[in-house]
């Protein structure tokens, strides 16, 4: 393999609460994995943003930070928000939503996979095979109503859901591309459209556009499920799921349910991907109840960084970054399976620093398995 001397600029936004803790651990792991594999370098630059920075400066997301994110090759994000810190209108400080809209990050990607060593939330032994991806359209849907809701005469309120052909088509196309990559690894693939087409005109339109996209990908299976039936399926037989694509709010709810199937949010990475920019973050929040205590599980942050490496590898044809992503995943697997460290989140004794040290220590053996 040819060694690349390229350097990628990464805009790092640790944010609030445990976001700052897991980000610090993640940057250590990224540095160690870069040393182990060689190849392209990551140049990380940290920027302030979020609720706690808003308290200090009166700004939640500086224009300069936005410009830095725009110029970066990727954005690595911790978590943002704090219950008692709000804008004057009472709304929460959520810069991650602003970034989604600013950069057109329309595909919210939530891979859900059970790792050996994790708690068995479901008693069925087939739960070991949980390995699916939820793709959430996240620039419209019910979230389109953010800042546009209306209360009339203090007696009724309205939020409008927007479903467009462009938004649905590009999210569906993205889901089929994910399925194509999975088919190469698994031998088969299927994309399920999750909607409520039996009730809402907007959802019937969502399904119609999905079917038009599916017709262009005849080599990939396609089917449909109502969102309530899918919630049941995710609990009863999640090992049968492959790739799902759904509307913004449905995806928001189902992704948290999905994380519960594999133990909790500490194992749930995510990516917000558009045509030219991408942001990678753990699915968990800022966890005010444990922030500053060093108890956070950094694995979701680690896995989000691996997703970033995969995206950069594909986008820039840098296969060594893909090797680095697999290295991080294998090191996490080895740590959990061997019991070298087990997160407090799941009843273990390992804090954030312990998990970080253990995963980094597992890199040399994981490198031999990846190689």
Protein backbone atom coordinates (compact mmCIF):
# COMPACT_ATOMS: atom_id res chain seq x y z
CA UNK A 1 0.00 0.00 0.00
CA UNK A 2 1.33 3.40 -1.00
CA UNK A 3 1.80 5.74 1.93
CA UNK A 4 0.10 9.11 1.53
CA UNK A 5 1.61 12.26 2.95
CA UNK A 6 -1.64 14.18 2.72
CA UNK A 7 -2.95 16.15 5.71
CA UNK A 8 -6.65 16.59 6.43
CA UNK A 9 -7.97 19.51 8.47
CA UNK A 10 -10.50 18.54 11.11
CA UNK A 11 -12.63 21.16 12.86
CA UNK A 12 -13.14 19.93 16.43
CA UNK A 13 -16.11 21.22 18.46
CA UNK A 14 -16.07 19.53 21.90
CA UNK A 15 -19.12 21.49 23.09
CA UNK A 16 -20.62 21.01 26.53
CA UNK A 17 -20.65 18.57 29.44
CA UNK A 18 -19.28 15.14 28.67
CA UNK A 19 -18.70 16.25 25.08
CA UNK A 20 -15.47 17.84 26.24
CA UNK A 21 -14.41 14.70 28.11
CA UNK A 22 -15.07 12.16 25.35
CA UNK A 23 -13.55 14.46 22.73
CA UNK A 24 -10.26 14.70 24.65
CA UNK A 25 -10.15 10.90 24.85
CA UNK A 26 -11.00 10.59 21.16
CA UNK A 27 -8.21 12.90 20.04
CA UNK A 28 -5.72 10.78 21.99
CA UNK A 29 -7.00 7.65 20.26
CA UNK A 30 -6.89 9.26 16.83
CA UNK A 31 -3.30 10.29 17.41
CA UNK A 32 -2.31 6.80 18.58
CA UNK A 33 -4.06 5.11 15.65
CA UNK A 34 -2.36 7.48 13.20
CA UNK A 35 1.00 6.50 14.65
CA UNK A 36 0.10 2.82 14.31
CA UNK A 37 -0.99 2.95 10.67
CA UNK A 38 0.96 5.81 9.17
CA UNK A 39 -0.54 7.43 6.11
CA UNK A 40 -2.53 10.68 5.95
CA UNK A 41 -2.27 12.97 8.96
CA UNK A 42 -5.13 14.69 10.75
CA UNK A 43 -4.57 18.32 11.73
CA UNK A 44 -7.13 19.08 14.43
CA UNK A 45 -8.17 22.59 15.44
CA UNK A 46 -10.51 23.10 18.38
CA UNK A 47 -13.25 25.73 18.28
CA UNK A 48 -15.59 27.02 20.97
CA UNK A 49 -19.34 26.61 20.57
CA UNK A 50 -22.32 25.52 22.62
CA UNK A 51 -24.32 26.45 25.69
CA UNK A 52 -21.47 26.92 28.12
CA UNK A 53 -19.61 29.09 25.64
CA UNK A 54 -22.84 31.08 25.19
CA UNK A 55 -22.79 31.84 28.92
CA UNK A 56 -19.24 33.16 28.61
CA UNK A 57 -19.53 35.10 25.37
CA UNK A 58 -23.18 35.58 24.45
CA UNK A 59 -22.53 33.59 21.25
CA UNK A 60 -23.42 29.93 20.73
CA UNK A 61 -21.80 29.55 17.31
CA UNK A 62 -19.39 32.21 16.14
CA UNK A 63 -19.25 33.17 12.47
CA UNK A 64 -15.52 32.39 12.58
CA UNK A 65 -16.27 28.88 13.84
CA UNK A 66 -18.82 28.40 11.08
CA UNK A 67 -16.23 29.52 8.52
CA UNK A 68 -13.67 27.11 9.98
CA UNK A 69 -16.15 24.24 9.72
CA UNK A 70 -16.88 25.20 6.12
CA UNK A 71 -13.18 25.15 5.24
CA UNK A 72 -12.38 21.92 7.10
CA UNK A 73 -12.25 18.48 5.50
CA UNK A 74 -14.56 17.16 8.24
CA UNK A 75 -16.18 18.24 11.49
CA UNK A 76 -15.73 16.22 14.69
CA UNK A 77 -18.36 17.15 17.23
CA UNK A 78 -18.75 16.27 20.92
CA UNK A 79 -22.17 17.24 22.26
CA UNK A 80 -23.89 20.55 22.93
CA UNK A 81 -26.69 21.93 25.02
CA UNK A 82 -27.41 22.45 28.71
CA UNK A 83 -30.84 22.28 30.39
CA UNK A 84 -30.72 25.65 32.13
CA UNK A 85 -29.03 27.61 29.35
CA UNK A 86 -31.46 28.92 26.76
CA UNK A 87 -31.91 31.74 24.32
CA UNK A 88 -34.15 34.66 25.40
CA UNK A 89 -37.11 33.06 23.59
CA UNK A 90 -36.79 29.96 25.78
CA UNK A 91 -35.47 27.60 23.09
CA UNK A 92 -32.48 25.35 23.67
CA UNK A 93 -29.03 26.11 22.33
CA UNK A 94 -28.53 23.45 19.65
CA UNK A 95 -25.76 24.52 17.24
CA UNK A 96 -25.69 21.05 15.71
CA UNK A 97 -29.05 21.79 14.06
CA UNK A 98 -27.71 25.06 12.71
CA UNK A 99 -24.73 23.22 11.23
CA UNK A 100 -27.02 20.67 9.58
CA UNK A 101 -28.99 23.39 7.86
CA UNK A 102 -25.99 25.56 6.99
CA UNK A 103 -24.12 22.74 5.26
CA UNK A 104 -27.07 20.71 3.95
CA UNK A 105 -26.24 17.64 6.05
CA UNK A 106 -29.33 15.79 4.92
CA UNK A 107 -28.39 12.20 5.81
CA UNK A 108 -28.32 11.36 9.49
CA UNK A 109 -26.57 7.99 9.69
CA UNK A 110 -26.96 5.82 12.80
CA UNK A 111 -25.20 2.43 12.63
CA UNK A 112 -26.41 0.04 15.34
CA UNK A 113 -24.29 -2.98 16.14
CA UNK A 114 -23.99 -5.23 19.18
CA UNK A 115 -20.41 -5.76 20.39
CA UNK A 116 -19.41 -8.97 22.21
CA UNK A 117 -19.08 -8.22 25.89
CA UNK A 118 -21.91 -5.70 26.00
CA UNK A 119 -25.02 -6.35 28.10
CA UNK A 120 -27.67 -8.49 26.42
CA UNK A 121 -30.67 -6.19 26.52
CA UNK A 122 -32.72 -8.78 24.61
CA UNK A 123 -32.66 -12.37 25.86
CA UNK A 124 -32.91 -13.95 22.41
CA UNK A 125 -29.47 -15.23 21.39
CA UNK A 126 -30.03 -13.87 17.89
CA UNK A 127 -29.65 -10.38 19.35
CA UNK A 128 -25.90 -10.97 18.96
CA UNK A 129 -26.48 -10.42 15.24
CA UNK A 130 -27.90 -6.90 15.55
CA UNK A 131 -26.20 -4.92 12.79
CA UNK A 132 -28.30 -2.34 10.94
CA UNK A 133 -28.18 1.26 9.80
CA UNK A 134 -30.85 3.90 10.23
CA UNK A 135 -30.70 6.74 7.69
CA UNK A 136 -32.68 9.76 8.79
CA UNK A 137 -33.55 12.61 6.42
CA UNK A 138 -32.73 15.59 8.60
CA UNK A 139 -33.17 18.89 6.83
CA UNK A 140 -36.97 18.85 6.61
CA UNK A 141 -39.77 16.62 7.91
CA UNK A 142 -41.34 17.76 11.16
CA UNK A 143 -38.09 19.51 12.13
CA UNK A 144 -38.83 21.95 9.32
CA UNK A 145 -41.19 23.58 11.82
CA UNK A 146 -38.34 24.66 14.10
CA UNK A 147 -38.76 28.41 14.49
CA UNK A 148 -41.91 28.39 12.34
CA UNK A 149 -44.51 27.03 14.77
CA UNK A 150 -47.62 29.05 15.49
CA UNK A 151 -49.86 29.36 18.55
CA UNK A 152 -53.23 30.92 17.81
CA UNK A 153 -55.13 32.78 20.54
CA UNK A 154 -53.61 30.54 23.21
CA UNK A 155 -56.01 27.76 22.19
CA UNK A 156 -54.32 25.84 19.38
CA UNK A 157 -50.85 25.32 17.98
CA UNK A 158 -49.49 24.21 14.62
CA UNK A 159 -46.17 22.82 13.41
CA UNK A 160 -45.89 22.04 9.71
CA UNK A 161 -44.12 18.98 8.32
CA UNK A 162 -42.34 19.47 5.01
CA UNK A 163 -41.58 16.58 2.66
CA UNK A 164 -40.01 17.46 -0.69
CA UNK A 165 -39.14 15.31 -3.67
CA UNK A 166 -35.51 16.48 -3.56
CA UNK A 167 -35.10 15.85 0.16
CA UNK A 168 -36.67 12.38 0.07
CA UNK A 169 -34.90 11.32 -3.12
CA UNK A 170 -31.42 12.23 -1.93
CA UNK A 171 -31.92 10.57 1.47
CA UNK A 172 -33.24 7.44 -0.26
CA UNK A 173 -30.34 7.40 -2.72
CA UNK A 174 -27.96 7.69 0.21
CA UNK A 175 -29.63 4.71 1.92
CA UNK A 176 -29.23 2.58 -1.20
CA UNK A 177 -25.55 3.52 -1.43
CA UNK A 178 -25.12 2.37 2.17
CA UNK A 179 -26.89 -0.87 1.27
CA UNK A 180 -24.61 -1.41 -1.72
CA UNK A 181 -21.54 -1.17 0.50
CA UNK A 182 -23.08 -3.55 3.01
CA UNK A 183 -24.01 -6.02 0.25
CA UNK A 184 -20.34 -6.25 -0.72
CA UNK A 185 -19.60 -7.36 2.84
CA UNK A 186 -22.73 -9.39 3.64
CA UNK A 187 -23.78 -10.81 0.28
CA UNK A 188 -27.26 -9.29 0.33
CA UNK A 189 -28.91 -6.01 1.29
CA UNK A 190 -32.34 -4.48 1.79
CA UNK A 191 -33.61 -0.93 2.32
CA UNK A 192 -36.82 -0.41 4.26
CA UNK A 193 -38.84 2.79 3.92
CA UNK A 194 -40.27 3.67 7.34
CA UNK A 195 -43.28 5.98 7.13
CA UNK A 196 -46.92 6.52 8.08
CA UNK A 197 -48.26 6.44 4.54
CA UNK A 198 -51.62 5.03 5.63
CA UNK A 199 -52.49 8.28 7.43
CA UNK A 200 -50.55 11.27 6.12
CA UNK A 201 -50.44 12.60 2.57
CA UNK A 202 -46.87 13.77 3.17
CA UNK A 203 -45.83 10.25 4.15
CA UNK A 204 -47.58 8.70 1.15
CA UNK A 205 -45.52 11.08 -0.98
CA UNK A 206 -42.37 10.08 0.91
CA UNK A 207 -43.10 6.43 0.06
CA UNK A 208 -43.83 7.26 -3.57
CA UNK A 209 -40.49 9.01 -4.03
CA UNK A 210 -38.70 6.18 -2.21
CA UNK A 211 -40.25 3.65 -4.60
CA UNK A 212 -39.06 5.66 -7.59
CA UNK A 213 -35.51 5.60 -6.22
CA UNK A 214 -35.76 1.90 -5.36
CA UNK A 215 -36.68 1.11 -8.97
CA UNK A 216 -33.24 2.36 -10.00
CA UNK A 217 -31.56 -0.11 -7.63
CA UNK A 218 -33.14 -3.42 -8.60
CA UNK A 219 -30.14 -5.35 -7.25
CA UNK A 220 -31.02 -4.18 -3.72
CA UNK A 221 -34.15 -5.41 -1.97
CA UNK A 222 -36.71 -2.77 -0.95
CA UNK A 223 -39.77 -2.85 1.28
CA UNK A 224 -41.90 -0.65 3.56
CA UNK A 225 -42.93 -0.53 7.20
CA UNK A 226 -45.18 1.80 9.15
CA UNK A 227 -43.24 3.52 11.90
CA UNK A 228 -45.30 1.99 14.72
CA UNK A 229 -44.83 -1.51 13.30
CA UNK A 230 -41.11 -0.82 12.93
CA UNK A 231 -40.88 0.15 16.61
CA UNK A 232 -42.32 -3.26 17.43
CA UNK A 233 -40.00 -5.02 14.97
CA UNK A 234 -36.95 -3.31 16.44
CA UNK A 235 -37.72 -4.85 19.82
CA UNK A 236 -38.94 -8.27 18.64
CA UNK A 237 -36.57 -9.08 15.76
CA UNK A 238 -33.92 -6.38 15.29
CA UNK A 239 -31.41 -8.91 13.89
CA UNK A 240 -33.55 -9.08 10.71
CA UNK A 241 -33.08 -5.37 9.91
CA UNK A 242 -30.59 -4.03 7.40
CA UNK A 243 -30.87 -0.41 6.18
CA UNK A 244 -33.81 1.87 6.96
CA UNK A 245 -34.63 5.35 5.67
CA UNK A 246 -37.18 7.59 7.31
CA UNK A 247 -38.40 11.11 8.03
CA UNK A 248 -36.61 13.41 10.47
CA UNK A 249 -38.76 13.05 13.60
CA UNK A 250 -39.38 9.34 13.13
CA UNK A 251 -35.64 8.86 12.77
CA UNK A 252 -34.96 10.91 15.88
CA UNK A 253 -37.18 8.65 17.97
CA UNK A 254 -36.24 5.30 16.42
CA UNK A 255 -32.51 5.99 16.68
CA UNK A 256 -32.71 6.29 20.47
CA UNK A 257 -34.75 3.09 20.66
CA UNK A 258 -32.10 1.43 18.50
CA UNK A 259 -29.31 2.52 20.84
CA UNK A 260 -31.17 0.92 23.72
CA UNK A 261 -31.01 -2.45 21.96
CA UNK A 262 -27.21 -2.53 22.22
CA UNK A 263 -26.86 -1.24 25.76
CA UNK A 264 -27.19 2.51 25.58
CA UNK A 265 -26.18 5.77 23.96
CA UNK A 266 -22.54 5.28 24.87
CA UNK A 267 -22.22 2.77 22.01
CA UNK A 268 -24.19 4.79 19.43
CA UNK A 269 -22.12 6.77 16.91
CA UNK A 270 -23.62 8.97 14.23
CA UNK A 271 -22.81 11.03 11.19
CA UNK A 272 -24.54 13.98 9.54
CA UNK A 273 -23.56 13.84 5.87
CA UNK A 274 -24.23 16.12 2.92
CA UNK A 275 -22.87 16.35 -0.59
CA UNK A 276 -19.80 18.39 0.36
CA UNK A 277 -19.54 18.44 4.17
CA UNK A 278 -19.94 15.96 6.99
CA UNK A 279 -20.11 16.09 10.79
CA UNK A 280 -19.46 13.15 13.11
CA UNK A 281 -20.70 12.94 16.68
CA UNK A 282 -21.79 10.49 19.36
CA UNK A 283 -25.55 10.16 19.57
CA UNK A 284 -25.62 10.89 23.31
CA UNK A 285 -26.17 14.29 24.86
CA UNK A 286 -24.14 16.32 27.32
CA UNK A 287 -25.22 14.25 30.38
CA UNK A 288 -25.28 17.00 33.04
CA UNK A 289 -25.75 14.35 35.77
CA UNK A 290 -22.24 12.94 35.24
CA UNK A 291 -20.44 15.81 33.49
CA UNK A 292 -17.10 16.67 35.07
CA UNK A 293 -16.88 13.37 36.91
CA UNK A 294 -14.93 11.44 34.29
CA UNK A 295 -17.59 8.70 34.14
CA UNK A 296 -18.60 9.04 30.49
CA UNK A 297 -18.28 6.13 28.08
CA UNK A 298 -16.19 7.42 25.14
CA UNK A 299 -16.90 4.49 22.80
CA UNK A 300 -19.63 6.27 20.82
CA UNK A 301 -17.20 9.15 20.24
CA UNK A 302 -14.50 6.67 19.16
CA UNK A 303 -16.86 4.96 16.73
CA UNK A 304 -17.97 8.33 15.34
CA UNK A 305 -14.33 9.12 14.63
CA UNK A 306 -14.05 5.79 12.80
CA UNK A 307 -17.04 6.82 10.67
CA UNK A 308 -15.22 10.07 9.88
CA UNK A 309 -12.16 8.14 8.75
CA UNK A 310 -14.31 5.93 6.51
CA UNK A 311 -15.95 8.98 4.93
CA UNK A 312 -12.61 10.69 4.31
CA UNK A 313 -11.17 7.45 2.90
CA UNK A 314 -13.97 7.07 0.37
CA UNK A 315 -14.20 10.75 -0.52
CA UNK A 316 -10.46 11.21 -1.07
CA UNK A 317 -9.44 7.69 -2.12
CA UNK A 318 -7.24 7.17 0.93
CA UNK A 319 -7.53 3.47 1.85
CA UNK A 320 -5.16 3.81 4.79
CA UNK A 321 -7.80 5.87 6.56
CA UNK A 322 -10.22 2.97 6.16
CA UNK A 323 -7.62 0.68 7.72
CA UNK A 324 -7.38 3.15 10.59
CA UNK A 325 -11.16 3.07 11.04
CA UNK A 326 -11.16 -0.75 11.23
CA UNK A 327 -8.25 -0.57 13.69
CA UNK A 328 -10.26 1.60 16.06
CA UNK A 329 -13.29 -0.69 15.82
CA UNK A 330 -11.21 -3.83 16.43
CA UNK A 331 -9.51 -2.24 19.44
CA UNK A 332 -12.90 -1.41 20.96
CA UNK A 333 -14.11 -4.95 20.26
CA UNK A 334 -11.04 -6.46 21.89
CA UNK A 335 -11.34 -4.23 24.94
CA UNK A 336 -14.98 -5.07 25.57
CA UNK A 337 -14.77 -8.76 24.72
CA UNK A 338 -11.69 -9.37 26.87
CA UNK A 339 -13.02 -7.35 29.78
CA UNK A 340 -9.80 -5.33 29.88
CA UNK A 341 -12.05 -2.39 30.66
CA UNK A 342 -15.82 -2.15 30.96
CA UNK A 343 -17.69 1.19 31.01
CA UNK A 344 -19.44 2.47 34.10
CA UNK A 345 -22.47 3.04 31.86
CA UNK A 346 -23.01 -0.73 31.82
CA UNK A 347 -22.15 -1.42 35.45
CA UNK A 348 -18.40 -1.73 34.99
CA UNK A 349 -15.66 0.15 36.82
CA UNK A 350 -13.89 1.82 33.88
CA UNK A 351 -14.21 5.58 33.64
CA UNK A 352 -13.53 7.65 30.54
CA UNK A 353 -9.76 7.68 31.05
CA UNK A 354 -9.67 3.94 31.78
CA UNK A 355 -11.55 3.14 28.58
CA UNK A 356 -9.31 5.41 26.57
CA UNK A 357 -6.14 3.81 27.93
CA UNK A 358 -7.47 0.28 27.38
CA UNK A 359 -8.52 0.89 23.78
CA UNK A 360 -5.20 2.54 22.95
CA UNK A 361 -3.38 -0.38 24.59
CA UNK A 362 -5.36 -2.77 22.37
CA UNK A 363 -4.20 -1.08 19.15
CA UNK A 364 -1.02 -3.16 18.54
CA UNK A 365 -2.87 -6.49 18.68
CA UNK A 366 -5.78 -5.05 16.71
CA UNK A 367 -3.31 -3.84 14.07
CA UNK A 368 -2.09 -7.40 13.56
CA UNK A 369 -5.68 -8.58 13.02
CA UNK A 370 -6.52 -5.70 10.64
CA UNK A 371 -3.34 -6.21 8.65
